[in-house]
Amino acid sequence: MNVGKVHIKRIIVVVFCAAIAITIASATIGREIYGVTKVSLISFAIINFSGYLFFLVMPVELAFIYYLHAHLGIFLLNVVAISTGIGAQLVDYYIGRSLSTRFIDKLVGRRRYEKAEDEIRRYGNIAIFLFNLLPLSSPIILLAAGMLKHPLRQAVFYSLMGLVVKYLLMSILFF
């Protein structure tokens, strides 16, 4: 397969994933912003879960701040954010465990994957924690952790700790 065909396939995948992200955002936050529907935890759960899937890029931190000001209940919003984030990251981890490196290279890009792989090999659990704490690409890290067969319990524990700290800090700063 020549480079031109690979490039076109990658563009198609990116456009398809962007279309999914736009559709999800429009069907949830977009309808709420324009007053068509009322702000709900279900729409936040859909946005947050989707944003933690490695193949969709969505601003989950901004969505959290938006929903934080919708007066849905700070505790419940944090529970939904953390549980949907962990749920999606488990999907990422198992996709990484089950798919071939070549397929993921085509989907994510070799450079992004190698960077995540290097971080896990070098720093392991600390990298997983920091990527979940900061607005970095934590889904890619969990995908790489799955591909490297990093222990699932450790990956989930450090992801959970990073998400808990991140969402608690965001709640304190923006509520």
N, C-alpha and C. Protein backbone atom coordinates (compact mmCIF):
# COMPACT_ATOMS: atom_id res chain seq x y z
N MET A 1 0.85 -1.17 0.00
CA MET A 1 0.00 0.00 0.00
C MET A 1 0.90 1.23 0.00
N ASN A 2 0.63 2.17 -0.89
CA ASN A 2 1.50 3.34 -0.96
C ASN A 2 1.10 4.39 0.07
N VAL A 3 1.96 5.37 0.24
CA VAL A 3 1.77 6.40 1.26
C VAL A 3 0.50 7.20 1.03
N GLY A 4 0.17 7.49 -0.22
CA GLY A 4 -1.03 8.27 -0.54
C GLY A 4 -2.30 7.61 -0.05
N LYS A 5 -2.42 6.29 -0.24
CA LYS A 5 -3.61 5.56 0.22
C LYS A 5 -3.70 5.54 1.73
N VAL A 6 -2.57 5.35 2.40
CA VAL A 6 -2.54 5.35 3.87
C VAL A 6 -2.97 6.71 4.39
N HIS A 7 -2.47 7.77 3.76
CA HIS A 7 -2.81 9.13 4.17
C HIS A 7 -4.31 9.39 3.98
N ILE A 8 -4.87 8.95 2.88
CA ILE A 8 -6.30 9.14 2.62
C ILE A 8 -7.13 8.35 3.62
N LYS A 9 -6.72 7.12 3.93
CA LYS A 9 -7.46 6.32 4.92
C LYS A 9 -7.42 6.99 6.30
N ARG A 10 -6.26 7.53 6.67
CA ARG A 10 -6.15 8.21 7.96
C ARG A 10 -7.06 9.43 8.00
N ILE A 11 -7.12 10.19 6.91
CA ILE A 11 -8.01 11.36 6.84
C ILE A 11 -9.46 10.93 6.98
N ILE A 12 -9.83 9.85 6.33
CA ILE A 12 -11.21 9.35 6.42
C ILE A 12 -11.54 8.96 7.86
N VAL A 13 -10.62 8.27 8.54
CA VAL A 13 -10.85 7.88 9.93
C VAL A 13 -10.98 9.11 10.82
N VAL A 14 -10.11 10.10 10.63
CA VAL A 14 -10.16 11.32 11.43
C VAL A 14 -11.48 12.06 11.19
N VAL A 15 -11.89 12.19 9.94
CA VAL A 15 -13.15 12.87 9.62
C VAL A 15 -14.33 12.11 10.22
N PHE A 16 -14.30 10.79 10.13
CA PHE A 16 -15.37 9.97 10.70
C PHE A 16 -15.45 10.15 12.22
N CYS A 17 -14.30 10.09 12.90
CA CYS A 17 -14.28 10.28 14.36
C CYS A 17 -14.72 11.69 14.74
N ALA A 18 -14.29 12.69 13.97
CA ALA A 18 -14.72 14.06 14.23
C ALA A 18 -16.22 14.20 14.05
N ALA A 19 -16.77 13.55 13.05
CA ALA A 19 -18.22 13.60 12.82
C ALA A 19 -18.97 12.97 13.99
N ILE A 20 -18.45 11.87 14.51
CA ILE A 20 -19.08 11.24 15.68
C ILE A 20 -19.03 12.20 16.87
N ALA A 21 -17.86 12.80 17.11
CA ALA A 21 -17.71 13.73 18.24
C ALA A 21 -18.65 14.93 18.09
N ILE A 22 -18.74 15.48 16.90
CA ILE A 22 -19.62 16.63 16.66
C ILE A 22 -21.08 16.23 16.85
N THR A 23 -21.44 15.06 16.38
CA THR A 23 -22.82 14.59 16.55
C THR A 23 -23.16 14.41 18.03
N ILE A 24 -22.25 13.82 18.78
CA ILE A 24 -22.48 13.62 20.22
C ILE A 24 -22.61 14.97 20.92
N ALA A 25 -21.69 15.87 20.63
CA ALA A 25 -21.74 17.20 21.26
C ALA A 25 -23.01 17.95 20.87
N SER A 26 -23.39 17.88 19.62
CA SER A 26 -24.59 18.58 19.17
C SER A 26 -25.85 17.99 19.79
N ALA A 27 -25.89 16.69 19.91
CA ALA A 27 -27.07 16.03 20.45
C ALA A 27 -27.21 16.21 21.96
N THR A 28 -26.14 16.60 22.62
CA THR A 28 -26.20 16.75 24.08
C THR A 28 -26.03 18.21 24.48
N ILE A 29 -24.80 18.68 24.51
CA ILE A 29 -24.53 20.04 24.95
C ILE A 29 -25.16 21.07 24.02
N GLY A 30 -25.06 20.85 22.72
CA GLY A 30 -25.63 21.80 21.76
C GLY A 30 -27.10 22.03 21.98
N ARG A 31 -27.86 20.97 22.17
CA ARG A 31 -29.30 21.09 22.40
C ARG A 31 -29.58 21.77 23.73
N GLU A 32 -28.73 21.54 24.72
CA GLU A 32 -28.92 22.17 26.02
C GLU A 32 -28.59 23.65 25.98
N ILE A 33 -27.54 24.02 25.26
CA ILE A 33 -27.15 25.43 25.16
C ILE A 33 -28.25 26.24 24.49
N TYR A 34 -28.85 25.68 23.45
CA TYR A 34 -29.90 26.40 22.73
C TYR A 34 -31.26 26.28 23.39
N GLY A 35 -31.34 25.62 24.52
CA GLY A 35 -32.58 25.55 25.28
C GLY A 35 -33.58 24.55 24.76
N VAL A 36 -33.18 23.69 23.85
CA VAL A 36 -34.10 22.69 23.31
C VAL A 36 -34.40 21.63 24.37
N THR A 37 -33.37 21.25 25.12
CA THR A 37 -33.56 20.29 26.20
C THR A 37 -32.93 20.84 27.47
N LYS A 38 -33.28 20.23 28.58
CA LYS A 38 -32.76 20.63 29.88
C LYS A 38 -31.42 19.93 30.14
N VAL A 39 -30.51 20.59 30.83
CA VAL A 39 -29.21 20.02 31.17
C VAL A 39 -29.43 18.78 32.04
N SER A 40 -28.72 17.68 31.70
CA SER A 40 -28.92 16.45 32.46
C SER A 40 -27.60 15.71 32.66
N LEU A 41 -27.61 14.86 33.67
CA LEU A 41 -26.44 14.02 33.94
C LEU A 41 -26.23 12.98 32.85
N ILE A 42 -27.30 12.57 32.21
CA ILE A 42 -27.17 11.59 31.13
C ILE A 42 -26.37 12.17 29.97
N SER A 43 -26.67 13.42 29.60
CA SER A 43 -25.91 14.02 28.50
C SER A 43 -24.45 14.22 28.89
N PHE A 44 -24.21 14.58 30.16
CA PHE A 44 -22.82 14.70 30.61
C PHE A 44 -22.13 13.35 30.58
N ALA A 45 -22.82 12.29 31.00
CA ALA A 45 -22.22 10.96 31.00
C ALA A 45 -21.84 10.54 29.58
N ILE A 46 -22.69 10.85 28.61
CA ILE A 46 -22.40 10.50 27.21
C ILE A 46 -21.18 11.26 26.72
N ILE A 47 -21.13 12.56 27.00
CA ILE A 47 -19.99 13.39 26.59
C ILE A 47 -18.71 12.90 27.25
N ASN A 48 -18.75 12.69 28.54
CA ASN A 48 -17.55 12.31 29.28
C ASN A 48 -17.05 10.93 28.85
N PHE A 49 -17.94 9.96 28.73
CA PHE A 49 -17.54 8.63 28.29
C PHE A 49 -16.90 8.70 26.90
N SER A 50 -17.55 9.42 26.01
CA SER A 50 -17.04 9.55 24.64
C SER A 50 -15.68 10.23 24.61
N GLY A 51 -15.50 11.23 25.45
CA GLY A 51 -14.25 11.97 25.48
C GLY A 51 -13.07 11.16 25.98
N TYR A 52 -13.34 10.11 26.73
CA TYR A 52 -12.25 9.27 27.23
C TYR A 52 -11.96 8.06 26.33
N LEU A 53 -12.66 7.97 25.22
CA LEU A 53 -12.31 6.93 24.25
C LEU A 53 -11.16 7.46 23.39
N PHE A 54 -10.16 6.64 23.13
CA PHE A 54 -8.95 7.13 22.49
C PHE A 54 -9.16 7.65 21.08
N PHE A 55 -10.19 7.22 20.40
CA PHE A 55 -10.39 7.61 19.01
C PHE A 55 -11.28 8.84 18.84
N LEU A 56 -11.81 9.38 19.95
CA LEU A 56 -12.59 10.62 19.89
C LEU A 56 -11.88 11.68 20.71
N VAL A 57 -11.80 12.86 20.18
CA VAL A 57 -11.18 13.97 20.91
C VAL A 57 -12.29 14.93 21.32
N MET A 58 -12.53 14.99 22.61
CA MET A 58 -13.57 15.88 23.12
C MET A 58 -13.03 16.56 24.38
N PRO A 59 -13.39 17.82 24.58
CA PRO A 59 -12.88 18.56 25.75
C PRO A 59 -13.65 18.22 27.03
N VAL A 60 -13.32 17.09 27.62
CA VAL A 60 -14.07 16.64 28.79
C VAL A 60 -13.93 17.59 29.99
N GLU A 61 -12.78 18.21 30.13
CA GLU A 61 -12.61 19.15 31.25
C GLU A 61 -13.52 20.36 31.09
N LEU A 62 -13.63 20.88 29.88
CA LEU A 62 -14.53 22.01 29.63
C LEU A 62 -15.99 21.61 29.82
N ALA A 63 -16.33 20.41 29.38
CA ALA A 63 -17.69 19.92 29.58
C ALA A 63 -18.00 19.81 31.06
N PHE A 64 -17.04 19.34 31.85
CA PHE A 64 -17.24 19.22 33.30
C PHE A 64 -17.52 20.58 33.91
N ILE A 65 -16.74 21.57 33.52
CA ILE A 65 -16.94 22.94 34.06
C ILE A 65 -18.32 23.46 33.66
N TYR A 66 -18.72 23.24 32.41
CA TYR A 66 -20.03 23.67 31.94
C TYR A 66 -21.13 23.03 32.79
N TYR A 67 -21.06 21.72 32.99
CA TYR A 67 -22.09 21.02 33.76
C TYR A 67 -21.99 21.33 35.25
N LEU A 68 -20.83 21.69 35.72
CA LEU A 68 -20.66 22.07 37.12
C LEU A 68 -21.51 23.30 37.45
N HIS A 69 -21.63 24.19 36.49
CA HIS A 69 -22.43 25.41 36.69
C HIS A 69 -23.90 25.19 36.39
N ALA A 70 -24.29 23.99 36.02
CA ALA A 70 -25.69 23.69 35.73
C ALA A 70 -26.44 23.24 36.99
N HIS A 71 -25.75 23.22 38.12
CA HIS A 71 -26.36 22.89 39.41
C HIS A 71 -27.00 21.49 39.42
N LEU A 72 -26.25 20.52 38.96
CA LEU A 72 -26.72 19.14 38.94
C LEU A 72 -26.35 18.38 40.21
N GLY A 73 -25.59 18.98 41.07
CA GLY A 73 -25.11 18.32 42.27
C GLY A 73 -23.65 17.96 42.09
N ILE A 74 -22.81 18.62 42.84
CA ILE A 74 -21.36 18.49 42.66
C ILE A 74 -20.87 17.06 42.93
N PHE A 75 -21.42 16.42 43.96
CA PHE A 75 -20.98 15.06 44.29
C PHE A 75 -21.37 14.09 43.18
N LEU A 76 -22.62 14.17 42.74
CA LEU A 76 -23.10 13.28 41.70
C LEU A 76 -22.37 13.50 40.37
N LEU A 77 -22.09 14.75 40.05
CA LEU A 77 -21.36 15.07 38.83
C LEU A 77 -19.96 14.46 38.87
N ASN A 78 -19.30 14.54 40.03
CA ASN A 78 -17.97 13.93 40.18
C ASN A 78 -18.04 12.42 40.05
N VAL A 79 -19.04 11.79 40.63
CA VAL A 79 -19.19 10.34 40.53
C VAL A 79 -19.39 9.93 39.07
N VAL A 80 -20.24 10.66 38.36
CA VAL A 80 -20.49 10.34 36.95
C VAL A 80 -19.22 10.57 36.13
N ALA A 81 -18.51 11.67 36.38
CA ALA A 81 -17.29 11.97 35.63
C ALA A 81 -16.24 10.88 35.82
N ILE A 82 -16.03 10.49 37.05
CA ILE A 82 -15.00 9.49 37.35
C ILE A 82 -15.40 8.11 36.84
N SER A 83 -16.64 7.73 37.06
CA SER A 83 -17.06 6.37 36.63
C SER A 83 -17.11 6.24 35.11
N THR A 84 -17.58 7.26 34.40
CA THR A 84 -17.60 7.16 32.94
C THR A 84 -16.18 7.25 32.37
N GLY A 85 -15.32 8.04 33.01
CA GLY A 85 -13.92 8.12 32.58
C GLY A 85 -13.22 6.78 32.72
N ILE A 86 -13.40 6.13 33.86
CA ILE A 86 -12.79 4.82 34.10
C ILE A 86 -13.39 3.78 33.15
N GLY A 87 -14.70 3.83 32.96
CA GLY A 87 -15.34 2.88 32.05
C GLY A 87 -14.79 2.96 30.64
N ALA A 88 -14.65 4.18 30.13
CA ALA A 88 -14.11 4.37 28.78
C ALA A 88 -12.65 3.96 28.71
N GLN A 89 -11.90 4.23 29.76
CA GLN A 89 -10.49 3.85 29.77
C GLN A 89 -10.31 2.33 29.83
N LEU A 90 -11.23 1.65 30.46
CA LEU A 90 -11.20 0.18 30.42
C LEU A 90 -11.41 -0.31 28.99
N VAL A 91 -12.30 0.34 28.28
CA VAL A 91 -12.51 0.01 26.87
C VAL A 91 -11.20 0.24 26.10
N ASP A 92 -10.55 1.39 26.34
CA ASP A 92 -9.28 1.69 25.68
C ASP A 92 -8.22 0.63 26.00
N TYR A 93 -8.13 0.26 27.27
CA TYR A 93 -7.15 -0.73 27.70
C TYR A 93 -7.37 -2.06 26.97
N TYR A 94 -8.62 -2.53 26.95
CA TYR A 94 -8.91 -3.82 26.31
C TYR A 94 -8.78 -3.76 24.80
N ILE A 95 -9.05 -2.61 24.20
CA ILE A 95 -8.79 -2.47 22.77
C ILE A 95 -7.29 -2.60 22.53
N GLY A 96 -6.49 -1.94 23.36
CA GLY A 96 -5.04 -2.04 23.23
C GLY A 96 -4.54 -3.46 23.41
N ARG A 97 -5.17 -4.20 24.30
CA ARG A 97 -4.77 -5.59 24.53
C ARG A 97 -5.13 -6.50 23.38
N SER A 98 -6.21 -6.17 22.68
CA SER A 98 -6.71 -7.11 21.68
C SER A 98 -6.34 -6.76 20.24
N LEU A 99 -6.04 -5.52 19.95
CA LEU A 99 -5.73 -5.14 18.57
C LEU A 99 -4.23 -5.20 18.30
N SER A 100 -3.92 -5.34 17.05
CA SER A 100 -2.51 -5.41 16.67
C SER A 100 -1.88 -4.01 16.68
N THR A 101 -0.60 -3.97 16.87
CA THR A 101 0.15 -2.72 16.86
C THR A 101 0.01 -2.01 15.52
N ARG A 102 0.02 -2.77 14.46
CA ARG A 102 -0.07 -2.19 13.12
C ARG A 102 -1.40 -1.45 12.93
N PHE A 103 -2.49 -2.05 13.39
CA PHE A 103 -3.80 -1.43 13.25
C PHE A 103 -3.88 -0.14 14.05
N ILE A 104 -3.37 -0.17 15.27
CA ILE A 104 -3.40 1.03 16.11
C ILE A 104 -2.48 2.11 15.56
N ASP A 105 -1.36 1.70 14.99
CA ASP A 105 -0.48 2.68 14.33
C ASP A 105 -1.24 3.45 13.27
N LYS A 106 -2.03 2.74 12.50
CA LYS A 106 -2.80 3.39 11.44
C LYS A 106 -3.89 4.30 12.01
N LEU A 107 -4.49 3.87 13.10
CA LEU A 107 -5.60 4.62 13.67
C LEU A 107 -5.15 5.84 14.46
N VAL A 108 -4.17 5.65 15.32
CA VAL A 108 -3.70 6.72 16.20
C VAL A 108 -2.52 7.47 15.62
N GLY A 109 -1.66 6.76 14.95
CA GLY A 109 -0.42 7.35 14.45
C GLY A 109 0.75 6.82 15.24
N ARG A 110 1.77 6.43 14.54
CA ARG A 110 2.93 5.81 15.17
C ARG A 110 3.58 6.71 16.22
N ARG A 111 3.71 7.98 15.89
CA ARG A 111 4.40 8.91 16.79
C ARG A 111 3.67 9.06 18.12
N ARG A 112 2.34 9.24 18.08
CA ARG A 112 1.58 9.38 19.32
C ARG A 112 1.65 8.11 20.15
N TYR A 113 1.51 6.98 19.48
CA TYR A 113 1.56 5.71 20.19
C TYR A 113 2.93 5.49 20.81
N GLU A 114 4.01 5.73 20.05
CA GLU A 114 5.36 5.52 20.57
C GLU A 114 5.65 6.42 21.76
N LYS A 115 5.15 7.65 21.73
CA LYS A 115 5.34 8.57 22.85
C LYS A 115 4.65 8.02 24.11
N ALA A 116 3.43 7.55 23.96
CA ALA A 116 2.70 6.97 25.10
C ALA A 116 3.39 5.71 25.60
N GLU A 117 3.83 4.88 24.68
CA GLU A 117 4.52 3.65 25.04
C GLU A 117 5.81 3.95 25.81
N ASP A 118 6.55 4.94 25.34
CA ASP A 118 7.80 5.34 26.00
C ASP A 118 7.53 5.83 27.42
N GLU A 119 6.45 6.60 27.59
CA GLU A 119 6.11 7.11 28.92
C GLU A 119 5.78 5.96 29.87
N ILE A 120 5.05 4.98 29.40
CA ILE A 120 4.70 3.85 30.27
C ILE A 120 5.92 3.00 30.58
N ARG A 121 6.75 2.75 29.60
CA ARG A 121 7.96 1.95 29.85
C ARG A 121 8.90 2.66 30.83
N ARG A 122 8.99 3.98 30.69
CA ARG A 122 9.90 4.74 31.54
C ARG A 122 9.35 4.99 32.93
N TYR A 123 8.09 5.41 32.99
CA TYR A 123 7.54 5.88 34.26
C TYR A 123 6.38 5.05 34.80
N GLY A 124 5.84 4.14 33.99
CA GLY A 124 4.79 3.23 34.43
C GLY A 124 3.59 3.90 35.07
N ASN A 125 3.35 3.55 36.32
CA ASN A 125 2.16 4.01 37.03
C ASN A 125 2.14 5.51 37.24
N ILE A 126 3.29 6.12 37.42
CA ILE A 126 3.34 7.58 37.59
C ILE A 126 2.84 8.27 36.33
N ALA A 127 3.21 7.75 35.16
CA ALA A 127 2.73 8.32 33.89
C ALA A 127 1.22 8.19 33.78
N ILE A 128 0.68 7.03 34.14
CA ILE A 128 -0.77 6.83 34.09
C ILE A 128 -1.47 7.81 35.01
N PHE A 129 -0.95 7.98 36.22
CA PHE A 129 -1.53 8.93 37.18
C PHE A 129 -1.49 10.36 36.63
N LEU A 130 -0.32 10.79 36.17
CA LEU A 130 -0.17 12.17 35.69
C LEU A 130 -0.99 12.46 34.45
N PHE A 131 -1.06 11.50 33.53
CA PHE A 131 -1.84 11.72 32.32
C PHE A 131 -3.33 11.81 32.64
N ASN A 132 -3.77 11.19 33.73
CA ASN A 132 -5.16 11.30 34.14
C ASN A 132 -5.41 12.54 34.98
N LEU A 133 -4.41 12.97 35.70
CA LEU A 133 -4.53 14.18 36.52
C LEU A 133 -4.56 15.44 35.65
N LEU A 134 -3.70 15.49 34.67
CA LEU A 134 -3.58 16.66 33.81
C LEU A 134 -4.41 16.46 32.55
N PRO A 135 -4.77 17.55 31.87
CA PRO A 135 -5.55 17.40 30.63
C PRO A 135 -4.68 16.92 29.47
N LEU A 136 -4.10 15.75 29.63
CA LEU A 136 -3.28 15.13 28.60
C LEU A 136 -4.05 13.97 28.00
N SER A 137 -3.46 13.29 27.10
CA SER A 137 -4.15 12.21 26.39
C SER A 137 -4.13 10.91 27.19
N SER A 138 -4.89 10.87 28.28
CA SER A 138 -4.93 9.67 29.11
C SER A 138 -5.51 8.46 28.38
N PRO A 139 -6.46 8.63 27.45
CA PRO A 139 -6.93 7.44 26.74
C PRO A 139 -5.83 6.75 25.93
N ILE A 140 -4.93 7.52 25.34
CA ILE A 140 -3.82 6.93 24.58
C ILE A 140 -2.89 6.17 25.53
N ILE A 141 -2.67 6.70 26.72
CA ILE A 141 -1.82 6.02 27.70
C ILE A 141 -2.43 4.67 28.09
N LEU A 142 -3.75 4.63 28.30
CA LEU A 142 -4.38 3.36 28.66
C LEU A 142 -4.38 2.39 27.49
N LEU A 143 -4.52 2.90 26.29
CA LEU A 143 -4.43 2.06 25.10
C LEU A 143 -3.03 1.43 25.03
N ALA A 144 -2.01 2.25 25.22
CA ALA A 144 -0.63 1.76 25.21
C ALA A 144 -0.39 0.78 26.37
N ALA A 145 -0.97 1.07 27.53
CA ALA A 145 -0.82 0.16 28.68
C ALA A 145 -1.41 -1.20 28.35
N GLY A 146 -2.54 -1.21 27.66
CA GLY A 146 -3.13 -2.47 27.25
C GLY A 146 -2.25 -3.21 26.26
N MET A 147 -1.69 -2.47 25.31
CA MET A 147 -0.82 -3.10 24.31
C MET A 147 0.44 -3.68 24.95
N LEU A 148 0.94 -3.01 25.98
CA LEU A 148 2.15 -3.48 26.66
C LEU A 148 1.84 -4.51 27.74
N LYS A 149 0.56 -4.84 27.89
CA LYS A 149 0.10 -5.79 28.91
C LYS A 149 0.50 -5.35 30.32
N HIS A 150 0.43 -4.03 30.53
CA HIS A 150 0.65 -3.46 31.86
C HIS A 150 -0.44 -4.03 32.77
N PRO A 151 -0.13 -4.34 34.03
CA PRO A 151 -1.15 -4.95 34.91
C PRO A 151 -2.42 -4.09 35.00
N LEU A 152 -3.56 -4.72 34.74
CA LEU A 152 -4.84 -4.01 34.70
C LEU A 152 -5.15 -3.32 36.03
N ARG A 153 -4.96 -4.01 37.13
CA ARG A 153 -5.28 -3.42 38.45
C ARG A 153 -4.48 -2.14 38.69
N GLN A 154 -3.21 -2.16 38.35
CA GLN A 154 -2.39 -0.96 38.52
C GLN A 154 -2.86 0.16 37.60
N ALA A 155 -3.16 -0.18 36.35
CA ALA A 155 -3.62 0.83 35.40
C ALA A 155 -4.92 1.47 35.87
N VAL A 156 -5.86 0.66 36.33
CA VAL A 156 -7.14 1.19 36.80
C VAL A 156 -6.94 2.00 38.09
N PHE A 157 -6.14 1.51 39.02
CA PHE A 157 -5.93 2.21 40.28
C PHE A 157 -5.33 3.60 40.04
N TYR A 158 -4.26 3.68 39.25
CA TYR A 158 -3.60 4.97 39.03
C TYR A 158 -4.43 5.89 38.14
N SER A 159 -5.21 5.33 37.24
CA SER A 159 -6.15 6.15 36.47
C SER A 159 -7.21 6.73 37.41
N LEU A 160 -7.74 5.88 38.26
CA LEU A 160 -8.76 6.32 39.20
C LEU A 160 -8.24 7.42 40.12
N MET A 161 -7.05 7.24 40.65
CA MET A 161 -6.47 8.25 41.53
C MET A 161 -6.28 9.59 40.79
N GLY A 162 -5.77 9.52 39.58
CA GLY A 162 -5.58 10.73 38.79
C GLY A 162 -6.89 11.44 38.49
N LEU A 163 -7.92 10.67 38.12
CA LEU A 163 -9.23 11.27 37.83
C LEU A 163 -9.87 11.86 39.08
N VAL A 164 -9.77 11.17 40.20
CA VAL A 164 -10.35 11.69 41.45
C VAL A 164 -9.71 13.02 41.81
N VAL A 165 -8.40 13.08 41.79
CA VAL A 165 -7.71 14.33 42.14
C VAL A 165 -8.07 15.43 41.14
N LYS A 166 -8.07 15.11 39.84
CA LYS A 166 -8.37 16.11 38.82
C LYS A 166 -9.77 16.69 39.01
N TYR A 167 -10.76 15.83 39.14
CA TYR A 167 -12.13 16.33 39.25
C TYR A 167 -12.40 17.01 40.58
N LEU A 168 -11.75 16.58 41.63
CA LEU A 168 -11.92 17.29 42.91
C LEU A 168 -11.29 18.70 42.83
N LEU A 169 -10.10 18.79 42.25
CA LEU A 169 -9.47 20.10 42.08
C LEU A 169 -10.32 21.02 41.19
N MET A 170 -10.84 20.47 40.10
CA MET A 170 -11.69 21.27 39.22
C MET A 170 -12.97 21.72 39.93
N SER A 171 -13.51 20.86 40.77
CA SER A 171 -14.72 21.22 41.52
C SER A 171 -14.43 22.36 42.49
N ILE A 172 -13.30 22.28 43.16
CA ILE A 172 -12.93 23.33 44.11
C ILE A 172 -12.64 24.64 43.37
N LEU A 173 -11.92 24.58 42.28
CA LEU A 173 -11.54 25.79 41.55
C LEU A 173 -12.69 26.46 40.81
N PHE A 174 -13.63 25.68 40.27
CA PHE A 174 -14.63 26.25 39.39
C PHE A 174 -16.05 26.25 39.92
N PHE A 175 -16.27 25.77 41.15
CA PHE A 175 -17.64 25.76 41.67
C PHE A 175 -17.97 27.05 42.36
